[in-house]
PDB file of N, CA and C in Angstrom:
ATOM      1  N   PRO A   1       8.352  28.857  -5.675  1.00  0.00           N
ATOM      2  CA  PRO A   1       8.280  27.624  -6.400  1.00  0.00           C
ATOM      3  C   PRO A   1       9.464  27.756  -7.870  1.00  0.00           C
ATOM      4  N   ILE A   2       9.979  26.585  -7.559  1.00  0.00           N
ATOM      5  CA  ILE A   2      10.709  26.231  -9.558  1.00  0.00           C
ATOM      6  C   ILE A   2       9.745  25.763  -9.336  1.00  0.00           C
ATOM      7  N   VAL A   3       9.787  25.687 -11.220  1.00  0.00           N
ATOM      8  CA  VAL A   3       9.103  24.788 -12.237  1.00  0.00           C
ATOM      9  C   VAL A   3       9.515  24.516 -13.247  1.00  0.00           C
ATOM     10  N   LEU A   4       9.679  23.507 -13.788  1.00  0.00           N
ATOM     11  CA  LEU A   4      10.879  22.782 -13.581  1.00  0.00           C
ATOM     12  C   LEU A   4       9.918  22.140 -15.693  1.00  0.00           C
ATOM     13  N   GLU A   5       9.924  22.621 -16.714  1.00  0.00           N
ATOM     14  CA  GLU A   5       9.039  21.955 -17.970  1.00  0.00           C
ATOM     15  C   GLU A   5      10.075  21.757 -18.941  1.00  0.00           C
ATOM     16  N   SER A   6      10.217  19.913 -18.886  1.00  0.00           N
ATOM     17  CA  SER A   6      11.384  19.763 -20.136  1.00  0.00           C
ATOM     18  C   SER A   6      10.950  17.820 -20.449  1.00  0.00           C
ATOM     19  N   PRO A   7      10.990  17.457 -21.609  1.00  0.00           N
ATOM     20  CA  PRO A   7      10.384  16.617 -21.673  1.00  0.00           C
ATOM     21  C   PRO A   7      11.610  14.855 -21.077  1.00  0.00           C
ATOM     22  N   ASP A   8      12.929  15.711 -20.635  1.00  0.00           N
ATOM     23  CA  ASP A   8      13.523  14.971 -19.713  1.00  0.00           C
ATOM     24  C   ASP A   8      14.546  15.346 -18.659  1.00  0.00           C
ATOM     25  N   ILE A   9      13.985  15.083 -17.433  1.00  0.00           N
ATOM     26  CA  ILE A   9      14.853  15.530 -16.519  1.00  0.00           C
ATOM     27  C   ILE A   9      15.309  14.557 -15.707  1.00  0.00           C
ATOM     28  N   GLN A  10      16.252  14.727 -15.175  1.00  0.00           N
ATOM     29  CA  GLN A  10      17.216  13.782 -14.367  1.00  0.00           C
ATOM     30  C   GLN A  10      17.843  14.367 -13.151  1.00  0.00           C
ATOM     31  N   LEU A  11      17.428  13.934 -12.370  1.00  0.00           N
ATOM     32  CA  LEU A  11      17.474  14.420 -10.841  1.00  0.00           C
ATOM     33  C   LEU A  11      18.895  13.912 -10.068  1.00  0.00           C
ATOM     34  N   GLY A  12      19.583  14.543  -9.428  1.00  0.00           N
ATOM     35  CA  GLY A  12      20.756  14.039  -8.931  1.00  0.00           C
ATOM     36  C   GLY A  12      21.717  13.425  -9.635  1.00  0.00           C
ATOM     37  N   SER A  13      21.763  13.309 -11.066  1.00  0.00           N
ATOM     38  CA  SER A  13      22.967  12.485 -12.260  1.00  0.00           C
ATOM     39  C   SER A  13      22.967  12.479 -13.649  1.00  0.00           C
ATOM     40  N   SER A  14      23.675  13.057 -13.859  1.00  0.00           N
ATOM     41  CA  SER A  14      23.211  13.024 -15.431  1.00  0.00           C
ATOM     42  C   SER A  14      23.367  11.652 -15.771  1.00  0.00           C
ATOM     43  N   LEU A  15      23.541  10.485 -15.156  1.00  0.00           N
ATOM     44  CA  LEU A  15      23.004   9.426 -15.605  1.00  0.00           C
ATOM     45  C   LEU A  15      21.834   8.786 -14.781  1.00  0.00           C
ATOM     46  N   ALA A  16      21.071   9.378 -14.578  1.00  0.00           N
ATOM     47  CA  ALA A  16      19.482   8.991 -13.663  1.00  0.00           C
ATOM     48  C   ALA A  16      18.993   8.117 -14.847  1.00  0.00           C
ATOM     49  N   THR A  17      18.436   7.005 -14.116  1.00  0.00           N
ATOM     50  CA  THR A  17      17.853   6.256 -15.155  1.00  0.00           C
ATOM     51  C   THR A  17      16.476   6.059 -14.352  1.00  0.00           C
ATOM     52  N   GLU A  18      16.080   5.930 -13.106  1.00  0.00           N
ATOM     53  CA  GLU A  18      15.511   5.611 -12.527  1.00  0.00           C
ATOM     54  C   GLU A  18      13.962   6.191 -12.695  1.00  0.00           C
ATOM     55  N   SER A  19      12.710   6.267 -12.852  1.00  0.00           N
ATOM     56  CA  SER A  19      11.520   6.978 -13.182  1.00  0.00           C
ATOM     57  C   SER A  19      11.177   6.809 -11.822  1.00  0.00           C
ATOM     58  N   ALA A  20      10.462   8.522 -11.396  1.00  0.00           N
ATOM     59  CA  ALA A  20      10.004   9.513 -10.199  1.00  0.00           C
ATOM     60  C   ALA A  20       8.170   8.030 -10.239  1.00  0.00           C
ATOM     61  N   ILE A  21       8.042   8.325  -9.049  1.00  0.00           N
ATOM     62  CA  ILE A  21       6.775   7.684  -8.406  1.00  0.00           C
ATOM     63  C   ILE A  21       5.735   8.979  -8.466  1.00  0.00           C
ATOM     64  N   LEU A  22       4.326   8.408  -9.507  1.00  0.00           N
ATOM     65  CA  LEU A  22       3.462   9.431  -9.084  1.00  0.00           C
ATOM     66  C   LEU A  22       2.390   9.116  -7.986  1.00  0.00           C
ATOM     67  N   GLY A  23       3.099   9.922  -6.859  1.00  0.00           N
ATOM     68  CA  GLY A  23       3.047   9.434  -4.836  1.00  0.00           C
ATOM     69  C   GLY A  23       1.288   8.987  -4.901  1.00  0.00           C
ATOM     70  N   ASP A  24       0.733   9.896  -5.435  1.00  0.00           N
ATOM     71  CA  ASP A  24      -0.598  10.114  -4.829  1.00  0.00           C
ATOM     72  C   ASP A  24      -1.500   8.849  -5.771  1.00  0.00           C
ATOM     73  N   THR A  25      -0.782   8.687  -7.044  1.00  0.00           N
ATOM     74  CA  THR A  25      -1.810   7.203  -8.213  1.00  0.00           C
ATOM     75  C   THR A  25      -1.083   5.824  -7.283  1.00  0.00           C
ATOM     76  N   LEU A  26       0.392   5.943  -6.766  1.00  0.00           N
ATOM     77  CA  LEU A  26       0.903   4.758  -6.202  1.00  0.00           C
ATOM     78  C   LEU A  26       0.182   4.581  -4.439  1.00  0.00           C
ATOM     79  N   VAL A  27       0.292   5.538  -3.995  1.00  0.00           N
ATOM     80  CA  VAL A  27      -0.549   5.420  -2.604  1.00  0.00           C
ATOM     81  C   VAL A  27      -2.433   4.852  -2.476  1.00  0.00           C
ATOM     82  N   ASN A  28      -2.347   5.401  -3.341  1.00  0.00           N
ATOM     83  CA  ASN A  28      -4.562   5.205  -4.335  1.00  0.00           C
ATOM     84  C   ASN A  28      -4.700   3.235  -3.964  1.00  0.00           C
ATOM     85  N   LEU A  29      -3.161   3.107  -4.875  1.00  0.00           N
ATOM     86  CA  LEU A  29      -3.028   1.211  -6.113  1.00  0.00           C
ATOM     87  C   LEU A  29      -2.874   0.846  -3.980  1.00  0.00           C
ATOM     88  N   LEU A  30      -1.802   1.445  -3.821  1.00  0.00           N
ATOM     89  CA  LEU A  30      -1.158   0.252  -2.208  1.00  0.00           C
ATOM     90  C   LEU A  30      -2.222   0.413  -1.196  1.00  0.00           C
ATOM     91  N   GLN A  31      -3.077   1.425  -1.006  1.00  0.00           N
ATOM     92  CA  GLN A  31      -4.288   1.244   0.105  1.00  0.00           C
ATOM     93  C   GLN A  31      -5.792   0.476  -0.790  1.00  0.00           C
ATOM     94  N   GLY A  32      -6.166   0.329  -2.201  1.00  0.00           N
ATOM     95  CA  GLY A  32      -7.093  -1.081  -2.765  1.00  0.00           C
ATOM     96  C   GLY A  32      -6.054  -2.057  -2.474  1.00  0.00           C
ATOM     97  N   ILE A  33      -5.534  -2.230  -2.809  1.00  0.00           N
ATOM     98  CA  ILE A  33      -4.941  -3.706  -2.922  1.00  0.00           C
ATOM     99  C   ILE A  33      -4.685  -3.895  -1.088  1.00  0.00           C
ATOM    100  N   ALA A  34      -4.228  -3.472  -0.277  1.00  0.00           N
ATOM    101  CA  ALA A  34      -4.445  -3.443   1.157  1.00  0.00           C
ATOM    102  C   ALA A  34      -6.079  -3.565   1.618  1.00  0.00           C
ATOM    103  N   ALA A  35      -7.035  -2.988   1.093  1.00  0.00           N
ATOM    104  CA  ALA A  35      -8.366  -3.147   1.095  1.00  0.00           C
ATOM    105  C   ALA A  35      -8.688  -4.331   1.078  1.00  0.00           C
ATOM    106  N   ASP A  36      -8.050  -4.737  -0.454  1.00  0.00           N
ATOM    107  CA  ASP A  36      -8.883  -6.037  -0.825  1.00  0.00           C
ATOM    108  C   ASP A  36      -8.225  -7.341  -0.307  1.00  0.00           C
ATOM    109  N   LEU A  37      -7.529  -7.053   0.099  1.00  0.00           N
ATOM    110  CA  LEU A  37      -6.595  -8.591   1.066  1.00  0.00           C
ATOM    111  C   LEU A  37      -6.879  -8.646   2.590  1.00  0.00           C
ATOM    112  N   LYS A  38      -6.863  -7.090   3.306  1.00  0.00           N
ATOM    113  CA  LYS A  38      -7.677  -6.856   4.657  1.00  0.00           C
ATOM    114  C   LYS A  38      -9.060  -7.875   3.983  1.00  0.00           C
ATOM    115  N   SER A  39      -9.909  -7.497   3.004  1.00  0.00           N
ATOM    116  CA  SER A  39     -11.275  -8.163   3.065  1.00  0.00           C
ATOM    117  C   SER A  39     -11.193  -9.566   2.912  1.00  0.00           C
ATOM    118  N   ALA A  40     -10.063  -9.757   2.126  1.00  0.00           N
ATOM    119  CA  ALA A  40     -10.256 -11.728   2.342  1.00  0.00           C
ATOM    120  C   ALA A  40      -9.532 -12.344   3.578  1.00  0.00           C
ATOM    121  N   LEU A  41      -8.456 -11.951   3.866  1.00  0.00           N
ATOM    122  CA  LEU A  41      -7.782 -12.186   5.079  1.00  0.00           C
ATOM    123  C   LEU A  41      -9.113 -12.525   6.476  1.00  0.00           C
ATOM    124  N   LEU A  42      -9.810 -11.626   6.455  1.00  0.00           N
ATOM    125  CA  LEU A  42     -11.011 -11.426   7.287  1.00  0.00           C
ATOM    126  C   LEU A  42     -12.004 -12.716   6.965  1.00  0.00           C
ATOM    127  N   VAL A  43     -12.487 -12.731   5.634  1.00  0.00           N
ATOM    128  CA  VAL A  43     -13.145 -13.520   5.078  1.00  0.00           C
ATOM    129  C   VAL A  43     -12.468 -15.511   5.912  1.00  0.00           C
ATOM    130  N   ALA A  44     -11.595 -15.829   5.620  1.00  0.00           N
ATOM    131  CA  ALA A  44     -10.454 -16.634   5.631  1.00  0.00           C
ATOM    132  C   ALA A  44     -10.741 -16.363   7.440  1.00  0.00           C
ATOM    133  N   SER A  45     -10.167 -15.578   8.289  1.00  0.00           N
ATOM    134  CA  SER A  45     -10.437 -15.659   9.952  1.00  0.00           C
ATOM    135  C   SER A  45     -11.389 -16.372  10.043  1.00  0.00           C
ATOM    136  N   GLY A  46     -12.438 -16.338   9.143  1.00  0.00           N
ATOM    137  CA  GLY A  46     -13.991 -16.946   9.889  1.00  0.00           C
ATOM    138  C   GLY A  46     -13.890 -18.364   9.390  1.00  0.00           C
ATOM    139  N   GLN A  47     -13.076 -18.637   8.746  1.00  0.00           N
ATOM    140  CA  GLN A  47     -13.780 -20.170   8.163  1.00  0.00           C
ATOM    141  C   GLN A  47     -13.825 -21.306   9.424  1.00  0.00           C
ATOM    142  N   LEU A  48     -14.341 -22.131   8.665  1.00  0.00           N
ATOM    143  CA  LEU A  48     -14.380 -23.096  10.247  1.00  0.00           C
ATOM    144  C   LEU A  48     -14.266 -24.414   9.241  1.00  0.00           C
ATOM    145  N   GLY A  49     -13.346 -25.620  10.471  1.00  0.00           N
ATOM    146  CA  GLY A  49     -12.925 -26.266   9.690  1.00  0.00           C
ATOM    147  C   GLY A  49     -14.062 -27.275   9.639  1.00  0.00           C
ATOM    148  N   ASN A  50     -13.885 -28.472   8.782  1.00  0.00           N
ATOM    149  CA  ASN A  50     -14.337 -30.145   8.787  1.00  0.00           C
ATOM    150  C   ASN A  50     -15.751 -30.214  10.107  1.00  0.00           C
ATOM    151  N   ASN A  51     -15.452 -30.208  11.505  1.00  0.00           N
ATOM    152  CA  ASN A  51     -16.239 -30.397  12.669  1.00  0.00           C
ATOM    153  C   ASN A  51     -16.825 -29.023  12.617  1.00  0.00           C
ATOM    154  N   GLY A  52     -16.816 -28.017  12.161  1.00  0.00           N
ATOM    155  CA  GLY A  52     -17.708 -26.454  12.590  1.00  0.00           C
ATOM    156  C   GLY A  52     -16.747 -25.540  13.178  1.00  0.00           C
ATOM    157  N   VAL A  53     -15.341 -26.293  13.804  1.00  0.00           N
ATOM    158  CA  VAL A  53     -14.707 -25.585  15.030  1.00  0.00           C
ATOM    159  C   VAL A  53     -14.285 -24.568  14.332  1.00  0.00           C
ATOM    160  N   PRO A  54     -13.985 -23.627  14.527  1.00  0.00           N
ATOM    161  CA  PRO A  54     -13.137 -22.009  14.054  1.00  0.00           C
ATOM    162  C   PRO A  54     -11.692 -22.894  13.597  1.00  0.00           C
ATOM    163  N   LEU A  55     -11.330 -22.765  12.815  1.00  0.00           N
ATOM    164  CA  LEU A  55      -9.728 -23.080  12.102  1.00  0.00           C
ATOM    165  C   LEU A  55      -8.659 -21.834  12.459  1.00  0.00           C
ATOM    166  N   GLU A  56      -7.958 -21.921  14.176  1.00  0.00           N
ATOM    167  CA  GLU A  56      -7.052 -21.335  14.549  1.00  0.00           C
ATOM    168  C   GLU A  56      -5.792 -22.340  15.147  1.00  0.00           C
ATOM    169  N   PRO A  57      -4.896 -21.900  14.864  1.00  0.00           N
ATOM    170  CA  PRO A  57      -4.306 -20.715  15.489  1.00  0.00           C
ATOM    171  C   PRO A  57      -4.167 -19.809  13.457  1.00  0.00           C
ATOM    172  N   LEU A  58      -5.156 -20.572  12.386  1.00  0.00           N
ATOM    173  CA  LEU A  58      -5.248 -19.232  11.397  1.00  0.00           C
ATOM    174  C   LEU A  58      -6.200 -18.470  11.420  1.00  0.00           C
ATOM    175  N   GLY A  59      -7.158 -18.843  12.441  1.00  0.00           N
ATOM    176  CA  GLY A  59      -8.017 -17.224  12.071  1.00  0.00           C
ATOM    177  C   GLY A  59      -7.417 -16.191  12.909  1.00  0.00           C
ATOM    178  N   SER A  60      -6.970 -16.437  14.076  1.00  0.00           N
ATOM    179  CA  SER A  60      -6.226 -15.506  14.855  1.00  0.00           C
ATOM    180  C   SER A  60      -4.875 -14.370  13.961  1.00  0.00           C
ATOM    181  N   ALA A  61      -4.384 -15.434  13.214  1.00  0.00           N
ATOM    182  CA  ALA A  61      -3.306 -15.069  12.138  1.00  0.00           C
ATOM    183  C   ALA A  61      -3.613 -14.221  11.140  1.00  0.00           C
ATOM    184  N   PHE A  62      -4.508 -14.633  10.444  1.00  0.00           N
ATOM    185  CA  PHE A  62      -5.266 -13.910   9.566  1.00  0.00           C
ATOM    186  C   PHE A  62      -6.341 -12.321  10.179  1.00  0.00           C
ATOM    187  N   ARG A  63      -6.394 -12.637  11.442  1.00  0.00           N
ATOM    188  CA  ARG A  63      -7.121 -11.237  12.068  1.00  0.00           C
ATOM    189  C   ARG A  63      -5.801 -10.091  12.042  1.00  0.00           C
ATOM    190  N   THR A  64      -4.986 -10.664  12.731  1.00  0.00           N
ATOM    191  CA  THR A  64      -3.905  -9.889  12.912  1.00  0.00           C
ATOM    192  C   THR A  64      -2.698  -9.307  11.859  1.00  0.00           C
ATOM    193  N   ALA A  65      -3.330  -9.728  10.840  1.00  0.00           N
ATOM    194  CA  ALA A  65      -2.459  -9.307   9.589  1.00  0.00           C
ATOM    195  C   ALA A  65      -3.599  -8.443   8.726  1.00  0.00           C
ATOM    196  N   ALA A  66      -4.596  -8.472   8.858  1.00  0.00           N
ATOM    197  CA  ALA A  66      -5.997  -7.770   8.478  1.00  0.00           C
ATOM    198  C   ALA A  66      -5.416  -6.687   9.226  1.00  0.00           C
ATOM    199  N   ASP A  67      -5.843  -6.769  10.475  1.00  0.00           N
ATOM    200  CA  ASP A  67      -5.201  -5.365  11.643  1.00  0.00           C
ATOM    201  C   ASP A  67      -4.133  -4.724  10.764  1.00  0.00           C
ATOM    202  N   ALA A  68      -2.674  -5.181  11.177  1.00  0.00           N
ATOM    203  CA  ALA A  68      -1.693  -4.846  10.252  1.00  0.00           C
ATOM    204  C   ALA A  68      -1.950  -3.949   9.333  1.00  0.00           C
ATOM    205  N   LEU A  69      -2.820  -4.278   8.185  1.00  0.00           N
ATOM    206  CA  LEU A  69      -2.858  -3.981   6.602  1.00  0.00           C
ATOM    207  C   LEU A  69      -3.794  -2.561   7.090  1.00  0.00           C
ATOM    208  N   THR A  70      -4.672  -2.760   7.759  1.00  0.00           N
ATOM    209  CA  THR A  70      -5.352  -1.305   8.387  1.00  0.00           C
ATOM    210  C   THR A  70      -4.237   0.043   8.784  1.00  0.00           C
ATOM    211  N   VAL A  71      -3.254  -0.735   9.759  1.00  0.00           N
ATOM    212  CA  VAL A  71      -2.244   0.437   9.957  1.00  0.00           C
ATOM    213  C   VAL A  71      -1.183   0.809   9.238  1.00  0.00           C
ATOM    214  N   TYR A  72      -0.817   0.231   7.709  1.00  0.00           N
ATOM    215  CA  TYR A  72      -0.151   0.135   6.865  1.00  0.00           C
ATOM    216  C   TYR A  72      -0.524   1.085   5.951  1.00  0.00           C
ATOM    217  N   SER A  73      -2.173   0.839   5.582  1.00  0.00           N
ATOM    218  CA  SER A  73      -2.207   1.862   4.401  1.00  0.00           C
ATOM    219  C   SER A  73      -2.276   3.010   5.055  1.00  0.00           C
ATOM    220  N   ASN A  74      -3.156   3.136   6.782  1.00  0.00           N
ATOM    221  CA  ASN A  74      -3.225   4.386   6.902  1.00  0.00           C
ATOM    222  C   ASN A  74      -1.521   5.169   6.988  1.00  0.00           C
ATOM    223  N   GLN A  75      -0.271   4.851   6.900  1.00  0.00           N
ATOM    224  CA  GLN A  75       0.708   5.536   7.391  1.00  0.00           C
ATOM    225  C   GLN A  75       1.000   5.558   5.509  1.00  0.00           C
ATOM    226  N   LEU A  76       0.301   5.107   4.743  1.00  0.00           N
ATOM    227  CA  LEU A  76       1.188   5.071   2.943  1.00  0.00           C
ATOM    228  C   LEU A  76       0.981   7.054   2.590  1.00  0.00           C
ATOM    229  N   GLU A  77      -0.018   7.934   3.882  1.00  0.00           N
ATOM    230  CA  GLU A  77      -0.617   8.804   2.995  1.00  0.00           C
ATOM    231  C   GLU A  77       0.685   9.839   3.821  1.00  0.00           C
ATOM    232  N   LYS A  78       1.399   9.514   4.685  1.00  0.00           N
ATOM    233  CA  LYS A  78       2.395  10.032   5.620  1.00  0.00           C
ATOM    234  C   LYS A  78       3.898   9.805   4.593  1.00  0.00           C
ATOM    235  N   THR A  79       3.796   9.148   3.530  1.00  0.00           N
ATOM    236  CA  THR A  79       4.820   8.779   2.545  1.00  0.00           C
ATOM    237  C   THR A  79       4.594  10.276   1.973  1.00  0.00           C
ATOM    238  N   LYS A  80       3.642  10.595   1.230  1.00  0.00           N
ATOM    239  CA  LYS A  80       3.855  11.022   0.216  1.00  0.00           C
ATOM    240  C   LYS A  80       4.722  12.847   0.520  1.00  0.00           C
ATOM    241  N   SER A  81       5.089  13.817  -0.503  1.00  0.00           N
ATOM    242  CA  SER A  81       5.663  14.837  -0.567  1.00  0.00           C
ATOM    243  C   SER A  81       4.566  15.964   0.057  1.00  0.00           C
ATOM    244  N   ASN A  82       4.973  17.135   0.875  1.00  0.00           N
ATOM    245  CA  ASN A  82       4.270  17.897   0.622  1.00  0.00           C
ATOM    246  C   ASN A  82       5.500  19.279   0.130  1.00  0.00           C
ATOM    247  N   ILE A  83       6.084  18.951  -0.865  1.00  0.00           N
ATOM    248  CA  ILE A  83       6.541  19.804  -0.854  1.00  0.00           C
ATOM    249  C   ILE A  83       7.037  19.419  -2.779  1.00  0.00           C
ATOM    250  N   VAL A  84       7.461  18.888  -3.321  1.00  0.00           N
ATOM    251  CA  VAL A  84       7.386  18.494  -4.379  1.00  0.00           C
ATOM    252  C   VAL A  84       6.538  17.811  -4.880  1.00  0.00           C
ATOM    253  N   LYS A  85       5.811  18.147  -6.366  1.00  0.00           N
ATOM    254  CA  LYS A  85       5.053  17.600  -7.506  1.00  0.00           C
ATOM    255  C   LYS A  85       5.345  17.307  -8.121  1.00  0.00           C
ATOM    256  N   ILE A  86       4.854  16.152  -8.511  1.00  0.00           N
ATOM    257  CA  ILE A  86       5.228  16.178 -10.079  1.00  0.00           C
ATOM    258  C   ILE A  86       4.087  15.289 -11.110  1.00  0.00           C
ATOM    259  N   GLU A  87       3.723  15.378 -12.488  1.00  0.00           N
ATOM    260  CA  GLU A  87       3.291  15.401 -13.510  1.00  0.00           C
ATOM    261  C   GLU A  87       2.965  13.928 -14.108  1.00  0.00           C
TER     262      GLU A  87
END
């Protein structure tokens, strides 16, 4: 392994200015957002109109979006490096 300790590490160029992302923290945050949004979509998908009839096609669209969020959330784990670790 290579361990670099410095108050300022620039990768790729001495002019690098973009911040590195804490992968685990970001993935956890995005998964939380996805879970909250999925819950809201599932609640919205079951809403009834004024005459008690389900609001379609909105309900179907909300359920489809909720299912997609599950897929995206599961894929987030794969975006993290197994080799590079940062603090």
